[in-house]
Amino acid sequence: MENNMLLMDEIQGDTLTPISIYQRLSGKKKFLLESSLKHEDSGRYSIIGCDPTFELIGKGMETVILEGDKREVRQERALDLVKELLPKNNLTLPFQLPVNAGAFGYVGYDNIKHYENIGPEVKDDIGIPDVHLMFFEDLVIFDHLEQKVYLVASPLKETTTAKDLKFRLQIRKLEITAPFKEDSPKVKLSPFETCISKEQFIEKVNKAKQYILEGDIFQVVPSQRMTADMEGSPFSYYRKLRIKNQSPYMYFIDFDDYAVLGSSPESLIKAINGKVITNPIAGTRPRGATNEEDTNLENDLLKDEKELAEHKMLVDLARNDVGKVSTFGSISVDKYIKVEKYKHVMHLVSEVSGNLRNNYTSVDALISCLPAGTVSGAPKIRAMQIINELEGTKRGIYSGAVGYFSKNGNMDFALAIRTMVIKDKKAYIQAGAGIVHDSVPEKEYEETIHKLKLFLEGQHDFINR
């Protein structure tokens, strides 16, 4: 195997979409990563993968490597194995392609337990891995700017040959260009139900405020989960979601025995040509019913001392996280306290960047920033210990990261918020609220509901169908 080998083919894409390509690819384990942004420097590409070469599944200190029928168990942290299993090259990709091959999936919130002591083990009521990454040697990349489809392949294993990769690209091309009749399977969804009552959530907020009053922390982000029964195609649900709530990060990942879908507004961390970038989001208002109300809510958000103080604290935390893996003096705040608007909510957003040190990888950068301060609190370790106590269950994917590590050293992970897990005909959604000393418990409860509005409003399209 030549590590720098890159095979490519090209298809005209004016009659195709990322959705139709995903549907055309056969195989049970596949993914679609896309974006509502369609600029040259952001959201230009959608990425589709099918039939991984192997998988990495981490739960606790046990990590399983799956390759076909072969199952290897290692007593190592999953992200340590990513460094071993993902050969790195510095190949410059044509057409500014984001990735040539790599690991796609998620790193859950609870993975932090392998790096920090955040308290005793808690109940695992969903039962999914802490880390689940699928490694793909061939990918389909849709270029929205040029309306072209690129088929790319690059080896991850020593035994992979150019002949193997050429054959895979031929199969992909046949699947994508063959006559296709679109199918839209039905999906049914029961009304979402909260796992705790409003009164119980308010009690947790008051307990969090007591910790703040006692000086343990400055901020903490408790969350609540909702569940519903789901039958039918999760991908059909995703197709509705992506239309109703377009976001910078939209994703659907089918792991065969469960699925993950989401529409996240927030980048957790990126690494592009050695530059590490994170975008802290903190400060929320619902969207207004009219332009005037929307402007008033925006102005109110920008003048809210509580929201501004919380945001500034989390920008400092992001600078600290990025600084752990960046060269001295390279940390920069490139965007500071700007309002970004989405369909149901608006947020305060900043951007922090740094240059990755030579002895660190993109995996190290993800570890340094996960979980984000915006979904944990500050100081981060103590805040997570309090979350462990207040919530009493594993968060799973929620407030972790969804995205990819590329073989060329780049990465792009969204913060796993506005995200749904579907497993065993159950759908799970979750949202939190940042608690500080002057938080009003009832308002914080309402904030979690606003953040889940895209799911709660969207459920009406699927109930009793």
Protein backbone atom coordinates (compact mmCIF):
# COMPACT_ATOMS: atom_id res chain seq x y z
CA MET A 1 0.00 0.00 0.00
CA GLU A 2 1.20 3.48 -0.85
CA ASN A 3 -0.03 5.79 1.90
CA ASN A 4 -0.30 8.80 -0.44
CA MET A 5 -2.32 6.92 -3.05
CA LEU A 6 -5.46 8.83 -4.09
CA LEU A 7 -7.85 7.55 -6.75
CA MET A 8 -10.65 9.74 -8.10
CA ASP A 9 -13.51 9.67 -10.55
CA GLU A 10 -16.08 12.32 -11.40
CA ILE A 11 -19.80 12.40 -12.25
CA GLN A 12 -21.89 15.35 -13.39
CA GLY A 13 -24.16 16.16 -10.43
CA ASP A 14 -26.84 18.47 -11.81
CA THR A 15 -29.50 15.73 -11.69
CA LEU A 16 -28.36 14.33 -8.33
CA THR A 17 -28.61 15.41 -4.69
CA PRO A 18 -26.82 14.17 -1.56
CA ILE A 19 -30.14 12.62 -0.48
CA SER A 20 -30.61 10.70 -3.74
CA ILE A 21 -26.98 9.52 -3.69
CA TYR A 22 -27.36 8.27 -0.11
CA GLN A 23 -30.49 6.35 -1.10
CA ARG A 24 -28.80 4.79 -4.13
CA LEU A 25 -25.86 3.36 -2.18
CA SER A 26 -26.50 -0.20 -1.04
CA GLY A 27 -25.33 -1.36 2.36
CA LYS A 28 -26.56 -1.15 5.93
CA LYS A 29 -23.85 0.98 7.52
CA LYS A 30 -23.60 4.41 5.92
CA PHE A 31 -23.67 8.12 6.62
CA LEU A 32 -24.50 11.53 5.16
CA LEU A 33 -22.85 14.75 6.37
CA GLU A 34 -24.15 18.00 4.90
CA SER A 35 -24.67 21.70 5.62
CA SER A 36 -27.23 24.40 4.94
CA LEU A 37 -24.31 26.72 4.14
CA LYS A 38 -23.28 26.59 0.50
CA HIS A 39 -20.32 28.98 0.38
CA GLU A 40 -16.95 28.30 -1.24
CA ASP A 41 -15.23 28.25 2.15
CA SER A 42 -17.97 26.57 4.20
CA GLY A 43 -20.62 23.97 3.43
CA ARG A 44 -19.49 23.52 -0.16
CA TYR A 45 -19.32 19.74 0.14
CA SER A 46 -21.64 17.00 1.34
CA ILE A 47 -19.96 13.69 2.20
CA ILE A 48 -21.52 10.23 1.83
CA GLY A 49 -20.01 6.89 2.84
CA CYS A 50 -21.21 3.29 2.70
CA ASP A 51 -19.79 -0.09 3.78
CA PRO A 52 -16.91 0.80 6.14
CA THR A 53 -13.63 -1.05 5.88
CA PHE A 54 -13.67 -1.46 9.66
CA GLU A 55 -15.24 0.05 12.79
CA LEU A 56 -14.02 1.21 16.18
CA ILE A 57 -16.49 0.76 19.04
CA GLY A 58 -15.49 1.95 22.49
CA LYS A 59 -17.38 1.40 25.72
CA GLY A 60 -15.62 1.84 29.03
CA MET A 61 -11.98 0.81 28.75
CA GLU A 62 -12.83 -1.89 26.20
CA THR A 63 -12.58 -1.06 22.52
CA VAL A 64 -13.68 -3.42 19.77
CA ILE A 65 -12.31 -3.31 16.22
CA LEU A 66 -14.80 -4.84 13.77
CA GLU A 67 -13.71 -5.85 10.28
CA GLY A 68 -16.22 -8.05 8.49
CA ASP A 69 -16.63 -11.16 10.66
CA LYS A 70 -13.39 -10.45 12.52
CA ARG A 71 -13.72 -8.99 16.02
CA GLU A 72 -10.67 -7.81 17.96
CA VAL A 73 -11.03 -6.62 21.58
CA ARG A 74 -8.44 -4.18 22.96
CA GLN A 75 -8.17 -2.87 26.53
CA GLU A 76 -7.38 0.64 25.36
CA ARG A 77 -9.13 3.97 25.05
CA ALA A 78 -10.88 4.28 21.72
CA LEU A 79 -9.35 7.61 20.72
CA ASP A 80 -5.83 6.32 21.41
CA LEU A 81 -6.53 3.62 18.84
CA VAL A 82 -7.69 6.17 16.27
CA LYS A 83 -4.12 7.52 16.18
CA GLU A 84 -2.87 3.99 15.54
CA LEU A 85 -5.47 2.94 12.96
CA LEU A 86 -5.69 6.13 10.89
CA PRO A 87 -2.51 6.49 8.82
CA LYS A 88 -1.70 10.16 8.36
CA ASN A 89 -0.37 11.83 5.27
CA ASN A 90 -0.07 15.47 4.30
CA LEU A 91 -1.50 14.96 0.84
CA THR A 92 -2.91 18.18 -0.64
CA LEU A 93 -6.33 17.30 -2.02
CA PRO A 94 -7.56 18.68 -5.35
CA PHE A 95 -10.57 21.03 -5.59
CA GLN A 96 -10.20 21.86 -1.86
CA LEU A 97 -11.81 18.52 -1.02
CA PRO A 98 -12.20 18.19 2.75
CA VAL A 99 -11.31 14.51 3.10
CA ASN A 100 -9.82 11.59 1.15
CA ALA A 101 -10.51 8.74 3.60
CA GLY A 102 -11.06 8.63 7.34
CA ALA A 103 -13.08 7.85 10.45
CA PHE A 104 -16.70 9.02 10.61
CA GLY A 105 -19.13 8.85 13.52
CA TYR A 106 -19.28 10.24 17.01
CA VAL A 107 -17.44 10.62 20.31
CA GLY A 108 -19.97 10.75 23.15
CA TYR A 109 -19.96 13.00 26.19
CA ASP A 110 -19.19 10.08 28.52
CA ASN A 111 -15.84 9.44 26.84
CA ILE A 112 -14.45 12.13 29.17
CA LYS A 113 -14.54 9.55 31.98
CA HIS A 114 -11.47 7.92 30.44
CA TYR A 115 -9.48 11.13 30.93
CA GLU A 116 -10.94 12.83 34.01
CA ASN A 117 -12.53 11.74 37.28
CA ILE A 118 -16.08 13.08 37.06
CA GLY A 119 -17.65 10.75 39.60
CA PRO A 120 -19.08 7.25 39.94
CA GLU A 121 -20.63 5.23 37.12
CA VAL A 122 -24.25 6.14 36.40
CA LYS A 123 -27.14 4.37 34.70
CA ASP A 124 -26.81 3.68 30.97
CA ASP A 125 -30.43 3.79 29.87
CA ILE A 126 -29.89 4.07 26.08
CA GLY A 127 -27.10 1.50 25.80
CA ILE A 128 -24.94 2.82 22.95
CA PRO A 129 -21.12 2.96 22.75
CA ASP A 130 -19.14 5.88 24.18
CA VAL A 131 -17.34 6.11 20.84
CA HIS A 132 -18.42 4.69 17.49
CA LEU A 133 -16.35 5.49 14.41
CA MET A 134 -16.59 3.86 10.97
CA PHE A 135 -13.44 3.92 8.83
CA PHE A 136 -13.98 4.42 5.09
CA GLU A 137 -11.41 4.01 2.32
CA ASP A 138 -13.81 5.26 -0.36
CA LEU A 139 -16.21 8.22 -0.19
CA VAL A 140 -18.68 10.11 -2.34
CA ILE A 141 -18.29 13.90 -2.15
CA PHE A 142 -20.96 16.20 -3.60
CA ASP A 143 -19.68 19.62 -4.71
CA HIS A 144 -22.59 22.08 -4.44
CA LEU A 145 -20.60 24.89 -6.02
CA GLU A 146 -19.62 23.04 -9.20
CA GLN A 147 -22.56 20.59 -9.22
CA LYS A 148 -20.18 17.65 -9.48
CA VAL A 149 -19.87 14.35 -7.66
CA TYR A 150 -16.35 13.17 -6.80
CA LEU A 151 -15.65 9.53 -6.02
CA VAL A 152 -12.46 9.37 -3.95
CA ALA A 153 -10.51 6.49 -2.46
CA SER A 154 -7.34 6.22 -0.41
CA PRO A 155 -6.04 3.20 1.54
CA LEU A 156 -6.22 2.88 5.32
CA LYS A 157 -4.85 -0.67 5.50
CA GLU A 158 -1.50 -2.09 4.42
CA THR A 159 -3.27 -4.85 2.50
CA THR A 160 -5.46 -2.54 0.39
CA THR A 161 -4.34 -2.38 -3.25
CA ALA A 162 -5.03 0.08 -6.05
CA LYS A 163 -7.06 -2.67 -7.73
CA ASP A 164 -9.29 -2.93 -4.62
CA LEU A 165 -9.94 0.80 -4.60
CA LYS A 166 -10.63 0.98 -8.35
CA PHE A 167 -13.18 -1.80 -8.02
CA ARG A 168 -14.98 0.03 -5.19
CA LEU A 169 -15.13 3.25 -7.18
CA GLN A 170 -16.56 1.36 -10.16
CA ILE A 171 -19.29 -0.12 -7.94
CA ARG A 172 -20.11 3.30 -6.48
CA LYS A 173 -20.32 4.84 -9.95
CA LEU A 174 -22.68 2.11 -11.14
CA GLU A 175 -24.91 2.57 -8.09
CA ILE A 176 -25.09 6.34 -8.47
CA THR A 177 -25.72 6.39 -12.25
CA ALA A 178 -28.10 3.41 -12.50
CA PRO A 179 -31.86 4.01 -13.01
CA PHE A 180 -33.41 4.66 -9.62
CA LYS A 181 -36.95 4.84 -8.31
CA GLU A 182 -37.09 6.93 -5.16
CA ASP A 183 -38.77 5.35 -2.16
CA SER A 184 -40.08 7.33 0.83
CA PRO A 185 -40.82 4.84 3.61
CA LYS A 186 -43.31 5.94 6.24
CA VAL A 187 -42.35 6.77 9.79
CA LYS A 188 -44.58 6.99 12.85
CA LEU A 189 -43.70 8.87 16.03
CA SER A 190 -45.56 9.05 19.32
CA PRO A 191 -45.64 12.34 21.29
CA PHE A 192 -42.38 13.04 23.13
CA GLU A 193 -42.48 12.59 26.88
CA THR A 194 -40.04 14.09 29.38
CA CYS A 195 -37.95 11.77 31.53
CA ILE A 196 -38.29 14.17 34.48
CA SER A 197 -41.03 16.63 35.43
CA LYS A 198 -40.71 20.40 35.23
CA GLU A 199 -40.63 20.49 39.03
CA GLN A 200 -37.78 17.97 39.14
CA PHE A 201 -35.77 19.99 36.61
CA ILE A 202 -36.30 23.19 38.60
CA GLU A 203 -35.13 21.35 41.71
CA LYS A 204 -31.91 20.42 39.89
CA VAL A 205 -31.44 24.06 38.82
CA ASN A 206 -31.83 25.23 42.41
CA LYS A 207 -29.31 22.64 43.57
CA ALA A 208 -26.90 23.83 40.86
CA LYS A 209 -27.34 27.43 42.02
CA GLN A 210 -26.48 26.33 45.55
CA TYR A 211 -23.16 24.93 44.30
CA ILE A 212 -22.52 28.27 42.58
CA LEU A 213 -23.38 30.18 45.76
CA GLU A 214 -20.95 28.00 47.72
CA GLY A 215 -18.17 28.81 45.24
CA ASP A 216 -17.77 25.33 43.71
CA ILE A 217 -18.41 26.56 40.16
CA PHE A 218 -19.33 29.63 38.12
CA GLN A 219 -21.66 27.83 35.74
CA VAL A 220 -23.10 24.38 35.06
CA VAL A 221 -25.32 23.00 32.28
CA PRO A 222 -27.88 20.41 33.49
CA SER A 223 -30.03 18.83 30.80
CA GLN A 224 -33.25 16.93 30.35
CA ARG A 225 -34.08 14.09 27.98
CA MET A 226 -37.30 13.28 26.14
CA THR A 227 -38.31 9.99 24.53
CA ALA A 228 -40.86 8.84 21.97
CA ASP A 229 -41.78 5.60 20.22
CA MET A 230 -40.71 5.48 16.56
CA GLU A 231 -41.62 3.01 13.85
CA GLY A 232 -40.47 3.03 10.27
CA SER A 233 -37.60 4.81 8.56
CA PRO A 234 -35.39 7.17 10.61
CA PHE A 235 -34.03 8.51 7.31
CA SER A 236 -37.52 9.68 6.33
CA TYR A 237 -37.62 11.60 9.60
CA TYR A 238 -34.23 13.15 8.84
CA ARG A 239 -35.42 14.31 5.41
CA LYS A 240 -38.24 16.28 7.05
CA LEU A 241 -35.94 17.63 9.76
CA ARG A 242 -33.34 18.97 7.32
CA ILE A 243 -36.02 20.98 5.50
CA LYS A 244 -37.61 22.36 8.67
CA ASN A 245 -34.39 23.30 10.45
CA GLN A 246 -31.41 23.90 8.19
CA SER A 247 -28.15 24.28 10.12
CA PRO A 248 -24.41 24.45 9.44
CA TYR A 249 -24.11 20.81 10.51
CA MET A 250 -26.70 18.25 9.42
CA TYR A 251 -26.05 14.53 9.65
CA PHE A 252 -27.55 11.08 9.40
CA ILE A 253 -25.53 8.03 10.45
CA ASP A 254 -26.90 4.50 10.19
CA PHE A 255 -24.93 2.10 12.41
CA ASP A 256 -27.35 -0.71 11.48
CA ASP A 257 -28.64 -1.44 15.01
CA TYR A 258 -29.20 2.24 15.80
CA ALA A 259 -29.12 5.60 14.02
CA VAL A 260 -28.04 9.16 14.82
CA LEU A 261 -29.47 12.24 13.13
CA GLY A 262 -29.13 15.93 13.85
CA SER A 263 -29.18 19.56 12.84
CA SER A 264 -26.53 21.24 14.97
CA PRO A 265 -25.77 24.97 14.85
CA GLU A 266 -22.40 24.63 16.54
CA SER A 267 -18.95 23.53 15.47
CA LEU A 268 -17.21 21.86 18.39
CA ILE A 269 -13.80 21.86 16.73
CA LYS A 270 -12.15 21.84 13.32
CA ALA A 271 -8.56 21.27 12.23
CA ILE A 272 -7.68 22.60 8.78
CA ASN A 273 -4.06 22.44 7.60
CA GLY A 274 -2.80 22.59 11.19
CA LYS A 275 -5.13 25.36 12.37
CA VAL A 276 -7.52 24.45 15.20
CA ILE A 277 -10.84 26.32 15.35
CA THR A 278 -13.70 26.19 17.88
CA ASN A 279 -16.92 28.21 18.03
CA PRO A 280 -18.38 28.65 21.53
CA ILE A 281 -22.13 29.30 21.51
CA ALA A 282 -23.79 30.60 24.69
CA GLY A 283 -26.76 32.92 25.02
CA THR A 284 -30.14 32.04 23.55
CA ARG A 285 -33.42 33.69 22.58
CA PRO A 286 -36.39 32.29 20.64
CA ARG A 287 -37.02 33.73 17.18
CA GLY A 288 -39.64 36.46 16.95
CA ALA A 289 -42.96 36.07 15.16
CA THR A 290 -42.32 39.34 13.26
CA ASN A 291 -39.19 41.17 12.08
CA GLU A 292 -39.73 43.80 14.75
CA GLU A 293 -40.07 41.23 17.53
CA ASP A 294 -37.02 39.38 16.19
CA THR A 295 -34.93 42.57 16.29
CA ASN A 296 -36.14 43.35 19.81
CA LEU A 297 -35.18 39.86 20.98
CA GLU A 298 -31.75 40.24 19.35
CA ASN A 299 -31.15 43.58 21.08
CA ASP A 300 -32.36 42.13 24.37
CA LEU A 301 -29.89 39.25 24.02
CA LEU A 302 -26.99 41.61 23.29
CA LYS A 303 -27.82 43.68 26.38
CA ASP A 304 -28.41 40.77 28.77
CA GLU A 305 -25.61 40.97 31.35
CA LYS A 306 -26.18 37.40 32.49
CA GLU A 307 -25.93 36.01 28.94
CA LEU A 308 -22.90 38.18 28.12
CA ALA A 309 -21.05 37.19 31.29
CA GLU A 310 -21.74 33.52 30.61
CA HIS A 311 -20.57 33.84 27.00
CA LYS A 312 -17.34 35.66 27.92
CA MET A 313 -16.54 32.98 30.49
CA LEU A 314 -17.00 30.25 27.89
CA VAL A 315 -14.82 32.08 25.36
CA ASP A 316 -12.06 32.10 27.99
CA LEU A 317 -12.62 28.37 28.53
CA ALA A 318 -12.38 27.76 24.76
CA ARG A 319 -9.11 29.73 24.63
CA ASN A 320 -7.78 27.51 27.41
CA ASP A 321 -8.90 24.29 25.67
CA VAL A 322 -7.39 25.26 22.31
CA GLY A 323 -4.26 26.52 24.06
CA LYS A 324 -3.51 23.03 25.42
CA VAL A 325 -2.59 21.80 21.94
CA SER A 326 -1.56 25.05 20.19
CA THR A 327 1.77 26.80 19.78
CA PHE A 328 2.54 29.59 22.21
CA GLY A 329 1.21 32.96 21.11
CA SER A 330 -0.99 31.58 18.32
CA ILE A 331 -4.36 31.77 20.15
CA SER A 332 -6.71 34.26 18.52
CA VAL A 333 -10.34 35.31 19.07
CA ASP A 334 -11.40 35.76 15.44
CA LYS A 335 -15.09 36.51 16.06
CA TYR A 336 -16.52 37.84 19.32
CA ILE A 337 -20.13 37.87 20.58
CA LYS A 338 -22.01 37.88 17.28
CA VAL A 339 -25.69 36.91 16.92
CA GLU A 340 -26.42 33.97 14.62
CA LYS A 341 -30.05 33.14 13.80
CA TYR A 342 -31.66 29.77 13.14
CA LYS A 343 -35.25 28.82 12.49
CA HIS A 344 -36.36 28.52 16.12
CA VAL A 345 -33.64 30.24 18.15
CA MET A 346 -30.83 32.78 17.96
CA HIS A 347 -27.46 32.42 19.73
CA LEU A 348 -24.42 34.46 20.70
CA VAL A 349 -21.40 33.02 18.87
CA SER A 350 -17.63 33.59 18.97
CA GLU A 351 -14.65 31.92 17.26
CA VAL A 352 -11.33 30.94 18.82
CA SER A 353 -8.36 29.49 16.90
CA GLY A 354 -4.76 28.37 17.37
CA ASN A 355 -1.97 26.61 15.46
CA LEU A 356 -1.61 22.92 16.33
CA ARG A 357 1.75 21.99 17.85
CA ASN A 358 3.92 19.62 15.82
CA ASN A 359 3.74 16.84 18.42
CA TYR A 360 -0.08 16.88 18.57
CA THR A 361 -2.72 15.49 16.20
CA SER A 362 -6.31 16.41 15.45
CA VAL A 363 -7.33 13.62 17.85
CA ASP A 364 -5.49 15.41 20.67
CA ALA A 365 -7.27 18.64 19.74
CA LEU A 366 -10.68 16.96 20.01
CA ILE A 367 -9.78 15.45 23.38
CA SER A 368 -8.69 18.89 24.66
CA CYS A 369 -12.05 20.49 23.78
CA LEU A 370 -14.48 17.67 24.58
CA PRO A 371 -16.93 18.26 26.08
CA ALA A 372 -17.41 21.92 25.23
CA GLY A 373 -17.78 24.35 28.11
CA THR A 374 -21.10 25.42 26.57
CA VAL A 375 -22.63 22.04 27.50
CA SER A 376 -20.73 21.36 30.74
CA GLY A 377 -19.79 24.56 32.62
CA ALA A 378 -16.85 26.18 34.36
CA PRO A 379 -14.58 25.13 35.90
CA LYS A 380 -15.18 22.23 33.57
CA ILE A 381 -14.16 19.23 35.70
CA ARG A 382 -16.14 20.26 38.78
CA ALA A 383 -19.12 21.18 36.59
CA MET A 384 -19.08 17.69 35.05
CA GLN A 385 -18.96 16.10 38.49
CA ILE A 386 -22.07 18.06 39.43
CA ILE A 387 -23.78 17.06 36.15
CA ASN A 388 -22.97 13.43 36.98
CA GLU A 389 -24.69 13.87 40.34
CA LEU A 390 -27.70 15.88 39.12
CA GLU A 391 -28.54 13.84 36.02
CA GLY A 392 -27.66 10.35 37.26
CA THR A 393 -27.60 8.83 33.74
CA LYS A 394 -25.10 8.68 30.90
CA ARG A 395 -25.63 11.42 28.33
CA GLY A 396 -24.54 9.26 25.43
CA ILE A 397 -24.09 11.22 22.21
CA TYR A 398 -25.76 14.37 23.54
CA SER A 399 -23.16 17.13 24.13
CA GLY A 400 -20.44 14.98 22.57
CA ALA A 401 -19.23 15.35 18.98
CA VAL A 402 -20.38 14.14 15.54
CA GLY A 403 -18.09 14.34 12.52
CA TYR A 404 -14.87 12.93 11.12
CA PHE A 405 -11.10 12.57 11.29
CA SER A 406 -9.55 12.75 7.82
CA LYS A 407 -6.50 10.78 6.77
CA ASN A 408 -4.86 14.05 5.66
CA GLY A 409 -4.89 15.33 9.28
CA ASN A 410 -7.97 17.54 9.04
CA MET A 411 -11.08 17.04 11.13
CA ASP A 412 -14.52 18.58 11.53
CA PHE A 413 -16.80 17.80 14.47
CA ALA A 414 -20.14 19.36 15.32
CA LEU A 415 -21.30 19.71 18.90
CA ALA A 416 -23.93 16.99 19.34
CA ILE A 417 -26.90 19.18 20.21
CA ARG A 418 -30.28 19.21 18.38
CA THR A 419 -29.47 15.53 17.88
CA MET A 420 -31.64 12.42 18.01
CA VAL A 421 -30.70 8.80 18.70
CA ILE A 422 -33.03 6.07 17.44
CA LYS A 423 -32.54 2.64 18.98
CA ASP A 424 -34.92 -0.29 19.51
CA LYS A 425 -37.85 1.75 18.15
CA LYS A 426 -37.23 4.53 20.68
CA ALA A 427 -36.23 8.10 19.81
CA TYR A 428 -34.17 10.12 22.31
CA ILE A 429 -33.58 13.90 22.31
CA GLN A 430 -31.89 16.06 24.96
CA ALA A 431 -31.12 19.72 25.74
CA GLY A 432 -29.56 21.70 28.59
CA ALA A 433 -29.47 25.20 30.01
CA GLY A 434 -26.51 27.16 31.38
CA ILE A 435 -27.05 27.93 35.06
CA VAL A 436 -25.30 30.89 36.72
CA HIS A 437 -25.90 32.64 40.05
CA ASP A 438 -28.81 34.80 38.83
CA SER A 439 -30.55 32.17 36.69
CA VAL A 440 -34.35 31.99 36.95
CA PRO A 441 -35.21 28.25 37.14
CA GLU A 442 -38.49 28.51 35.20
CA LYS A 443 -36.75 30.39 32.37
CA GLU A 444 -33.97 27.81 32.23
CA TYR A 445 -36.56 25.05 31.90
CA GLU A 446 -38.21 26.96 29.04
CA GLU A 447 -34.82 27.34 27.36
CA THR A 448 -34.44 23.56 27.13
CA ILE A 449 -37.88 23.36 25.51
CA HIS A 450 -36.99 26.09 22.98
CA LYS A 451 -33.84 24.19 22.03
CA LEU A 452 -35.87 21.04 21.32
CA LYS A 453 -38.56 22.90 19.40
CA LEU A 454 -37.45 21.57 16.02
CA PHE A 455 -38.23 18.04 17.22
CA LEU A 456 -41.33 18.91 19.25
CA GLU A 457 -42.93 20.88 16.39
CA GLY A 458 -41.81 18.38 13.78
CA GLN A 459 -43.41 15.44 15.58
CA HIS A 460 -46.87 16.52 14.36
CA ASP A 461 -45.89 15.47 10.82
CA PHE A 462 -45.45 11.87 11.95
CA ILE A 463 -48.04 11.25 14.68
CA ASN A 464 -50.92 8.89 13.77
CA ARG A 465 -49.75 8.37 10.19
